[in-house]
Amino acid sequence: MKLLLFWIVLAAVLLNSATVVLSIVSQTGESGRLPNLDAAELAAYFCEDGTYHNVPLPPVVGRANIEEAIRAFTASWTATRWEILNLLTAGDVVVAERVDRTRCVGDRSVELPIVGVFELDQGKIKVWRDYFDLGTYLRAVADHDDRSRLNA
């Protein structure tokens, strides 16, 4: 009986952690888009002293700073859709392999493979690390700008 209770509690913890992450990446339902790209809403998922780290860049610490960083890098976005390929959980750690498909001002489109590692504390994100190739993002934006100049 104690073993069964242990597995039920463990499953609840794992599901809760995964639910927090899934609510971020699919908070808009069927479309998978973040319609308002609301930096305050996204930052609210973090602990007050949380860390957000796009690993090619320096980490950002503190909810207010995270909100500011999210607002800055989404300023040119018109829409984004995050496709989850694999989702793994172990306690309060969630690993999400995904492809972020983002549209930017000027009809630029970026398809970026990412692995995100989320460490949670009492249902809030303590640390969110996104591992991706910055060059892939920069090339997608540059390729579009080059094509636009050629068609002008």
N, C-alpha and C. Protein backbone atom coordinates (compact mmCIF):
# COMPACT_ATOMS: atom_id res chain seq x y z
N MET A 1 0.82 -1.19 0.00
CA MET A 1 0.00 0.00 0.00
C MET A 1 0.87 1.26 0.00
N LYS A 2 1.95 1.26 0.81
CA LYS A 2 2.84 2.42 0.86
C LYS A 2 3.51 2.64 -0.49
N LEU A 3 3.88 1.56 -1.18
CA LEU A 3 4.52 1.67 -2.48
C LEU A 3 3.55 2.27 -3.50
N LEU A 4 2.31 1.85 -3.46
CA LEU A 4 1.30 2.40 -4.36
C LEU A 4 1.11 3.89 -4.09
N LEU A 5 1.05 4.28 -2.83
CA LEU A 5 0.89 5.68 -2.47
C LEU A 5 2.10 6.49 -2.96
N PHE A 6 3.31 5.93 -2.82
CA PHE A 6 4.51 6.59 -3.32
C PHE A 6 4.40 6.87 -4.81
N TRP A 7 3.97 5.88 -5.60
CA TRP A 7 3.87 6.05 -7.05
C TRP A 7 2.77 7.06 -7.42
N ILE A 8 1.71 7.08 -6.67
CA ILE A 8 0.64 8.06 -6.92
C ILE A 8 1.15 9.47 -6.65
N VAL A 9 1.86 9.67 -5.54
CA VAL A 9 2.41 10.99 -5.20
C VAL A 9 3.46 11.39 -6.24
N LEU A 10 4.34 10.47 -6.61
CA LEU A 10 5.37 10.75 -7.62
C LEU A 10 4.73 11.15 -8.94
N ALA A 11 3.71 10.43 -9.37
CA ALA A 11 3.02 10.75 -10.62
C ALA A 11 2.40 12.14 -10.55
N ALA A 12 1.83 12.49 -9.40
CA ALA A 12 1.21 13.81 -9.24
C ALA A 12 2.26 14.92 -9.34
N VAL A 13 3.43 14.71 -8.72
CA VAL A 13 4.51 15.70 -8.80
C VAL A 13 4.99 15.86 -10.23
N LEU A 14 5.21 14.74 -10.92
CA LEU A 14 5.68 14.80 -12.31
C LEU A 14 4.66 15.47 -13.20
N LEU A 15 3.40 15.11 -13.04
CA LEU A 15 2.36 15.71 -13.86
C LEU A 15 2.23 17.20 -13.57
N ASN A 16 2.37 17.60 -12.32
CA ASN A 16 2.28 19.01 -11.98
C ASN A 16 3.40 19.80 -12.66
N SER A 17 4.62 19.31 -12.61
CA SER A 17 5.75 19.99 -13.25
C SER A 17 5.54 20.09 -14.74
N ALA A 18 5.14 18.99 -15.36
CA ALA A 18 4.90 19.00 -16.81
C ALA A 18 3.74 19.93 -17.15
N THR A 19 2.72 19.98 -16.30
CA THR A 19 1.57 20.85 -16.55
C THR A 19 1.97 22.31 -16.57
N VAL A 20 2.87 22.71 -15.67
CA VAL A 20 3.34 24.10 -15.65
C VAL A 20 4.00 24.44 -16.97
N VAL A 21 4.90 23.56 -17.43
CA VAL A 21 5.62 23.81 -18.68
C VAL A 21 4.65 23.79 -19.86
N LEU A 22 3.77 22.81 -19.91
CA LEU A 22 2.81 22.74 -21.01
C LEU A 22 1.88 23.94 -21.04
N SER A 23 1.55 24.49 -19.88
CA SER A 23 0.67 25.65 -19.86
C SER A 23 1.36 26.86 -20.49
N ILE A 24 2.67 26.91 -20.44
CA ILE A 24 3.40 28.00 -21.08
C ILE A 24 3.42 27.82 -22.59
N VAL A 25 3.82 26.62 -23.02
CA VAL A 25 4.02 26.42 -24.46
C VAL A 25 2.73 26.18 -25.22
N SER A 26 1.65 25.94 -24.52
CA SER A 26 0.38 25.75 -25.23
C SER A 26 -0.75 26.52 -24.57
N GLN A 27 -0.43 27.65 -23.98
CA GLN A 27 -1.44 28.40 -23.22
C GLN A 27 -2.55 28.96 -24.09
N THR A 28 -2.41 28.84 -25.39
CA THR A 28 -3.42 29.42 -26.28
C THR A 28 -4.30 28.36 -26.90
N GLY A 29 -4.17 27.12 -26.46
CA GLY A 29 -5.07 26.08 -26.96
C GLY A 29 -4.65 25.51 -28.30
N GLU A 30 -5.63 25.26 -29.16
CA GLU A 30 -5.40 24.51 -30.38
C GLU A 30 -4.40 25.16 -31.33
N SER A 31 -4.37 26.47 -31.41
CA SER A 31 -3.49 27.13 -32.37
C SER A 31 -2.02 27.02 -31.96
N GLY A 32 -1.75 26.84 -30.65
CA GLY A 32 -0.37 26.77 -30.19
C GLY A 32 0.34 28.10 -30.26
N ARG A 33 -0.39 29.17 -30.49
CA ARG A 33 0.22 30.49 -30.61
C ARG A 33 0.07 31.27 -29.30
N LEU A 34 0.98 32.17 -29.10
CA LEU A 34 0.87 33.11 -27.98
C LEU A 34 0.33 34.40 -28.58
N PRO A 35 -0.98 34.59 -28.57
CA PRO A 35 -1.57 35.67 -29.36
C PRO A 35 -1.15 37.06 -28.92
N ASN A 36 -1.01 37.29 -27.64
CA ASN A 36 -0.69 38.64 -27.20
C ASN A 36 0.79 38.81 -26.88
N LEU A 37 1.56 37.72 -26.90
CA LEU A 37 2.99 37.77 -26.57
C LEU A 37 3.22 38.65 -25.35
N ASP A 38 2.42 38.43 -24.32
CA ASP A 38 2.42 39.25 -23.12
C ASP A 38 3.61 38.89 -22.22
N ALA A 39 4.61 39.76 -22.17
CA ALA A 39 5.82 39.51 -21.39
C ALA A 39 5.51 39.36 -19.90
N ALA A 40 4.59 40.16 -19.38
CA ALA A 40 4.23 40.08 -17.96
C ALA A 40 3.59 38.73 -17.64
N GLU A 41 2.74 38.25 -18.55
CA GLU A 41 2.09 36.96 -18.35
C GLU A 41 3.11 35.83 -18.33
N LEU A 42 4.04 35.86 -19.27
CA LEU A 42 5.08 34.82 -19.31
C LEU A 42 6.00 34.91 -18.10
N ALA A 43 6.38 36.12 -17.71
CA ALA A 43 7.26 36.30 -16.55
C ALA A 43 6.59 35.85 -15.26
N ALA A 44 5.27 35.91 -15.19
CA ALA A 44 4.54 35.51 -13.98
C ALA A 44 4.71 34.03 -13.67
N TYR A 45 5.13 33.22 -14.64
CA TYR A 45 5.39 31.80 -14.38
C TYR A 45 6.66 31.59 -13.56
N PHE A 46 7.49 32.61 -13.44
CA PHE A 46 8.78 32.49 -12.76
C PHE A 46 8.67 32.82 -11.28
N CYS A 47 9.57 32.22 -10.48
CA CYS A 47 9.77 32.65 -9.09
C CYS A 47 10.28 34.09 -9.13
N GLU A 48 10.11 34.79 -8.05
CA GLU A 48 10.58 36.19 -7.99
C GLU A 48 12.07 36.29 -8.31
N ASP A 49 12.86 35.30 -7.85
CA ASP A 49 14.30 35.32 -8.09
C ASP A 49 14.71 34.33 -9.18
N GLY A 50 13.78 34.01 -10.08
CA GLY A 50 14.04 33.04 -11.14
C GLY A 50 15.11 33.48 -12.12
N THR A 51 15.56 32.50 -12.91
CA THR A 51 16.57 32.74 -13.94
C THR A 51 16.06 32.25 -15.28
N TYR A 52 16.22 33.08 -16.31
CA TYR A 52 15.90 32.71 -17.68
C TYR A 52 17.19 32.82 -18.48
N HIS A 53 17.59 31.71 -19.12
CA HIS A 53 18.88 31.69 -19.81
C HIS A 53 18.73 31.13 -21.21
N ASN A 54 18.78 32.01 -22.21
CA ASN A 54 18.96 31.58 -23.59
C ASN A 54 20.46 31.32 -23.70
N VAL A 55 20.85 30.06 -23.66
CA VAL A 55 22.23 29.67 -23.37
C VAL A 55 23.29 30.33 -24.26
N PRO A 56 23.03 30.67 -25.50
CA PRO A 56 24.09 31.40 -26.21
C PRO A 56 24.34 32.81 -25.65
N LEU A 57 23.42 33.30 -24.83
CA LEU A 57 23.48 34.66 -24.29
C LEU A 57 23.61 34.61 -22.77
N PRO A 58 23.93 35.73 -22.13
CA PRO A 58 24.03 35.73 -20.66
C PRO A 58 22.66 35.47 -20.00
N PRO A 59 22.65 34.83 -18.81
CA PRO A 59 21.38 34.59 -18.10
C PRO A 59 20.77 35.89 -17.58
N VAL A 60 19.46 35.87 -17.42
CA VAL A 60 18.71 37.00 -16.87
C VAL A 60 18.12 36.54 -15.55
N VAL A 61 18.32 37.31 -14.49
CA VAL A 61 17.90 36.90 -13.15
C VAL A 61 16.88 37.91 -12.60
N GLY A 62 15.82 37.37 -11.98
CA GLY A 62 14.79 38.20 -11.36
C GLY A 62 13.61 38.39 -12.30
N ARG A 63 12.39 38.23 -11.74
CA ARG A 63 11.18 38.28 -12.56
C ARG A 63 11.06 39.59 -13.35
N ALA A 64 11.35 40.73 -12.74
CA ALA A 64 11.24 42.01 -13.45
C ALA A 64 12.21 42.07 -14.64
N ASN A 65 13.44 41.59 -14.43
CA ASN A 65 14.42 41.57 -15.52
C ASN A 65 14.02 40.57 -16.61
N ILE A 66 13.44 39.44 -16.20
CA ILE A 66 12.97 38.45 -17.16
C ILE A 66 11.86 39.03 -18.03
N GLU A 67 10.93 39.73 -17.39
CA GLU A 67 9.85 40.37 -18.14
C GLU A 67 10.41 41.35 -19.17
N GLU A 68 11.38 42.15 -18.76
CA GLU A 68 12.00 43.12 -19.66
C GLU A 68 12.70 42.41 -20.83
N ALA A 69 13.42 41.32 -20.54
CA ALA A 69 14.12 40.57 -21.59
C ALA A 69 13.14 39.94 -22.57
N ILE A 70 12.06 39.36 -22.05
CA ILE A 70 11.05 38.76 -22.93
C ILE A 70 10.43 39.83 -23.82
N ARG A 71 10.12 40.97 -23.23
CA ARG A 71 9.52 42.07 -24.00
C ARG A 71 10.48 42.51 -25.12
N ALA A 72 11.77 42.57 -24.83
CA ALA A 72 12.76 43.02 -25.81
C ALA A 72 12.88 42.03 -26.97
N PHE A 73 13.02 40.72 -26.66
CA PHE A 73 13.25 39.80 -27.77
C PHE A 73 11.98 39.42 -28.52
N THR A 74 10.81 39.70 -27.96
CA THR A 74 9.57 39.42 -28.71
C THR A 74 9.02 40.68 -29.38
N ALA A 75 9.70 41.80 -29.25
CA ALA A 75 9.20 43.06 -29.81
C ALA A 75 8.97 42.98 -31.32
N SER A 76 9.80 42.23 -32.03
CA SER A 76 9.64 42.15 -33.49
C SER A 76 8.81 40.94 -33.91
N TRP A 77 8.32 40.16 -32.95
CA TRP A 77 7.52 38.98 -33.27
C TRP A 77 6.07 39.37 -33.53
N THR A 78 5.46 38.74 -34.51
CA THR A 78 4.03 38.92 -34.73
C THR A 78 3.25 37.68 -34.27
N ALA A 79 3.91 36.54 -34.25
CA ALA A 79 3.28 35.30 -33.78
C ALA A 79 4.37 34.26 -33.54
N THR A 80 4.07 33.31 -32.68
CA THR A 80 4.99 32.20 -32.48
C THR A 80 4.19 30.95 -32.14
N ARG A 81 4.71 29.83 -32.56
CA ARG A 81 4.08 28.54 -32.28
C ARG A 81 5.18 27.59 -31.85
N TRP A 82 4.98 26.93 -30.71
CA TRP A 82 5.98 26.02 -30.18
C TRP A 82 5.45 24.60 -30.29
N GLU A 83 6.13 23.80 -31.08
CA GLU A 83 5.75 22.39 -31.24
C GLU A 83 6.61 21.54 -30.31
N ILE A 84 5.96 20.83 -29.40
CA ILE A 84 6.67 19.95 -28.48
C ILE A 84 6.92 18.61 -29.18
N LEU A 85 8.20 18.22 -29.27
CA LEU A 85 8.56 16.94 -29.87
C LEU A 85 8.67 15.85 -28.79
N ASN A 86 9.30 16.19 -27.68
CA ASN A 86 9.44 15.26 -26.56
C ASN A 86 9.39 16.06 -25.26
N LEU A 87 8.76 15.46 -24.25
CA LEU A 87 8.65 16.09 -22.94
C LEU A 87 9.02 15.05 -21.89
N LEU A 88 10.05 15.34 -21.12
CA LEU A 88 10.54 14.42 -20.09
C LEU A 88 10.47 15.11 -18.74
N THR A 89 10.09 14.36 -17.71
CA THR A 89 10.04 14.92 -16.37
C THR A 89 10.77 14.02 -15.39
N ALA A 90 11.39 14.64 -14.40
CA ALA A 90 12.02 13.93 -13.29
C ALA A 90 11.91 14.86 -12.08
N GLY A 91 10.96 14.57 -11.22
CA GLY A 91 10.73 15.46 -10.07
C GLY A 91 10.30 16.83 -10.53
N ASP A 92 11.04 17.84 -10.11
CA ASP A 92 10.71 19.22 -10.47
C ASP A 92 11.50 19.70 -11.68
N VAL A 93 12.04 18.78 -12.47
CA VAL A 93 12.77 19.14 -13.69
C VAL A 93 11.98 18.63 -14.89
N VAL A 94 11.80 19.51 -15.87
CA VAL A 94 11.11 19.16 -17.10
C VAL A 94 12.03 19.52 -18.26
N VAL A 95 12.19 18.58 -19.21
CA VAL A 95 12.98 18.83 -20.41
C VAL A 95 12.02 18.77 -21.59
N ALA A 96 11.99 19.85 -22.38
CA ALA A 96 11.09 19.93 -23.53
C ALA A 96 11.91 20.14 -24.80
N GLU A 97 11.91 19.11 -25.65
CA GLU A 97 12.50 19.27 -26.99
C GLU A 97 11.39 19.83 -27.86
N ARG A 98 11.69 20.94 -28.54
CA ARG A 98 10.63 21.59 -29.30
C ARG A 98 11.20 22.30 -30.53
N VAL A 99 10.29 22.72 -31.40
CA VAL A 99 10.63 23.58 -32.53
C VAL A 99 9.79 24.84 -32.38
N ASP A 100 10.45 25.96 -32.28
CA ASP A 100 9.75 27.25 -32.19
C ASP A 100 9.66 27.82 -33.60
N ARG A 101 8.44 28.07 -34.02
CA ARG A 101 8.21 28.68 -35.34
C ARG A 101 7.68 30.09 -35.10
N THR A 102 8.49 31.07 -35.46
CA THR A 102 8.18 32.45 -35.14
C THR A 102 8.11 33.29 -36.40
N ARG A 103 7.11 34.16 -36.44
CA ARG A 103 6.98 35.14 -37.52
C ARG A 103 7.35 36.49 -36.94
N CYS A 104 8.12 37.22 -37.71
CA CYS A 104 8.58 38.53 -37.27
C CYS A 104 8.05 39.61 -38.21
N VAL A 105 8.17 40.85 -37.75
CA VAL A 105 7.79 41.99 -38.58
C VAL A 105 8.54 41.89 -39.91
N GLY A 106 7.89 42.26 -40.99
CA GLY A 106 8.52 42.16 -42.31
C GLY A 106 8.36 40.78 -42.91
N ASP A 107 7.44 39.99 -42.33
CA ASP A 107 7.14 38.65 -42.82
C ASP A 107 8.34 37.70 -42.78
N ARG A 108 9.24 37.94 -41.84
CA ARG A 108 10.35 37.01 -41.64
C ARG A 108 9.85 35.81 -40.86
N SER A 109 10.40 34.65 -41.16
CA SER A 109 9.98 33.42 -40.50
C SER A 109 11.22 32.68 -40.00
N VAL A 110 11.16 32.23 -38.76
CA VAL A 110 12.28 31.51 -38.16
C VAL A 110 11.76 30.19 -37.60
N GLU A 111 12.41 29.11 -37.95
CA GLU A 111 12.12 27.79 -37.40
C GLU A 111 13.34 27.36 -36.61
N LEU A 112 13.20 27.29 -35.29
CA LEU A 112 14.35 27.10 -34.42
C LEU A 112 14.20 25.88 -33.51
N PRO A 113 15.01 24.84 -33.74
CA PRO A 113 15.00 23.69 -32.82
C PRO A 113 15.62 24.12 -31.48
N ILE A 114 14.95 23.73 -30.40
CA ILE A 114 15.38 24.13 -29.05
C ILE A 114 15.17 22.96 -28.09
N VAL A 115 16.05 22.87 -27.11
CA VAL A 115 15.80 22.01 -25.95
C VAL A 115 15.74 22.94 -24.75
N GLY A 116 14.61 22.94 -24.08
CA GLY A 116 14.42 23.76 -22.89
C GLY A 116 14.45 22.90 -21.64
N VAL A 117 15.19 23.35 -20.65
CA VAL A 117 15.25 22.65 -19.36
C VAL A 117 14.65 23.60 -18.32
N PHE A 118 13.61 23.11 -17.65
CA PHE A 118 12.88 23.90 -16.67
C PHE A 118 13.07 23.27 -15.29
N GLU A 119 13.52 24.07 -14.33
CA GLU A 119 13.60 23.63 -12.95
C GLU A 119 12.52 24.39 -12.19
N LEU A 120 11.61 23.64 -11.56
CA LEU A 120 10.48 24.27 -10.88
C LEU A 120 10.62 24.22 -9.37
N ASP A 121 10.00 25.17 -8.72
CA ASP A 121 9.96 25.24 -7.26
C ASP A 121 8.56 25.67 -6.86
N GLN A 122 7.81 24.76 -6.26
CA GLN A 122 6.44 25.04 -5.81
C GLN A 122 5.56 25.59 -6.94
N GLY A 123 5.67 24.96 -8.11
CA GLY A 123 4.81 25.31 -9.24
C GLY A 123 5.25 26.53 -10.03
N LYS A 124 6.37 27.13 -9.68
CA LYS A 124 6.91 28.28 -10.42
C LYS A 124 8.27 27.88 -11.01
N ILE A 125 8.64 28.56 -12.08
CA ILE A 125 9.93 28.27 -12.72
C ILE A 125 11.04 28.96 -11.94
N LYS A 126 11.96 28.15 -11.45
CA LYS A 126 13.15 28.67 -10.76
C LYS A 126 14.23 28.98 -11.79
N VAL A 127 14.41 28.06 -12.75
CA VAL A 127 15.40 28.23 -13.82
C VAL A 127 14.82 27.69 -15.11
N TRP A 128 14.95 28.46 -16.19
CA TRP A 128 14.56 28.02 -17.54
C TRP A 128 15.76 28.27 -18.43
N ARG A 129 16.34 27.17 -18.95
CA ARG A 129 17.46 27.26 -19.88
C ARG A 129 17.01 26.76 -21.24
N ASP A 130 17.16 27.57 -22.27
CA ASP A 130 16.89 27.16 -23.64
C ASP A 130 18.21 27.02 -24.38
N TYR A 131 18.45 25.80 -24.90
CA TYR A 131 19.65 25.51 -25.67
C TYR A 131 19.29 25.52 -27.15
N PHE A 132 19.94 26.39 -27.91
CA PHE A 132 19.68 26.47 -29.34
C PHE A 132 20.90 27.07 -30.02
N ASP A 133 20.90 26.97 -31.35
CA ASP A 133 22.00 27.51 -32.14
C ASP A 133 21.64 28.93 -32.57
N LEU A 134 22.31 29.90 -31.99
CA LEU A 134 22.05 31.29 -32.31
C LEU A 134 22.28 31.56 -33.80
N GLY A 135 23.24 30.87 -34.39
CA GLY A 135 23.52 31.04 -35.81
C GLY A 135 22.33 30.67 -36.69
N THR A 136 21.57 29.65 -36.29
CA THR A 136 20.38 29.26 -37.04
C THR A 136 19.38 30.41 -37.08
N TYR A 137 19.19 31.05 -35.96
CA TYR A 137 18.27 32.19 -35.88
C TYR A 137 18.79 33.36 -36.72
N LEU A 138 20.05 33.69 -36.55
CA LEU A 138 20.63 34.83 -37.27
C LEU A 138 20.63 34.59 -38.78
N ARG A 139 20.94 33.35 -39.20
CA ARG A 139 20.92 33.03 -40.64
C ARG A 139 19.52 33.15 -41.21
N ALA A 140 18.51 32.71 -40.47
CA ALA A 140 17.12 32.79 -40.96
C ALA A 140 16.72 34.25 -41.18
N VAL A 141 17.09 35.10 -40.25
CA VAL A 141 16.76 36.52 -40.38
C VAL A 141 17.57 37.14 -41.52
N ALA A 142 18.87 36.82 -41.61
CA ALA A 142 19.73 37.37 -42.66
C ALA A 142 19.30 36.87 -44.03
N ASP A 143 18.98 35.56 -44.15
CA ASP A 143 18.54 35.01 -45.44
C ASP A 143 17.32 35.75 -45.94
N HIS A 144 16.38 36.03 -45.05
CA HIS A 144 15.17 36.74 -45.46
C HIS A 144 15.51 38.16 -45.91
N ASP A 145 16.39 38.84 -45.15
CA ASP A 145 16.78 40.20 -45.53
C ASP A 145 17.48 40.21 -46.87
N ASP A 146 18.36 39.22 -47.13
CA ASP A 146 19.04 39.12 -48.42
C ASP A 146 18.05 38.90 -49.55
N ARG A 147 17.08 37.99 -49.36
CA ARG A 147 16.07 37.71 -50.40
C ARG A 147 15.24 38.96 -50.66
N SER A 148 14.91 39.71 -49.60
CA SER A 148 14.10 40.92 -49.77
C SER A 148 14.85 41.94 -50.62
N ARG A 149 16.17 42.08 -50.40
CA ARG A 149 16.95 43.03 -51.18
C ARG A 149 17.02 42.61 -52.64
N LEU A 150 17.13 41.32 -52.90
CA LEU A 150 17.22 40.81 -54.27
C LEU A 150 15.91 41.03 -55.03
N ASN A 151 14.79 40.94 -54.33
CA ASN A 151 13.47 41.10 -54.97
C ASN A 151 13.05 42.56 -55.11
N ALA A 152 13.82 43.46 -54.52
CA ALA A 152 13.43 44.90 -54.56
C ALA A 152 13.74 45.52 -55.91
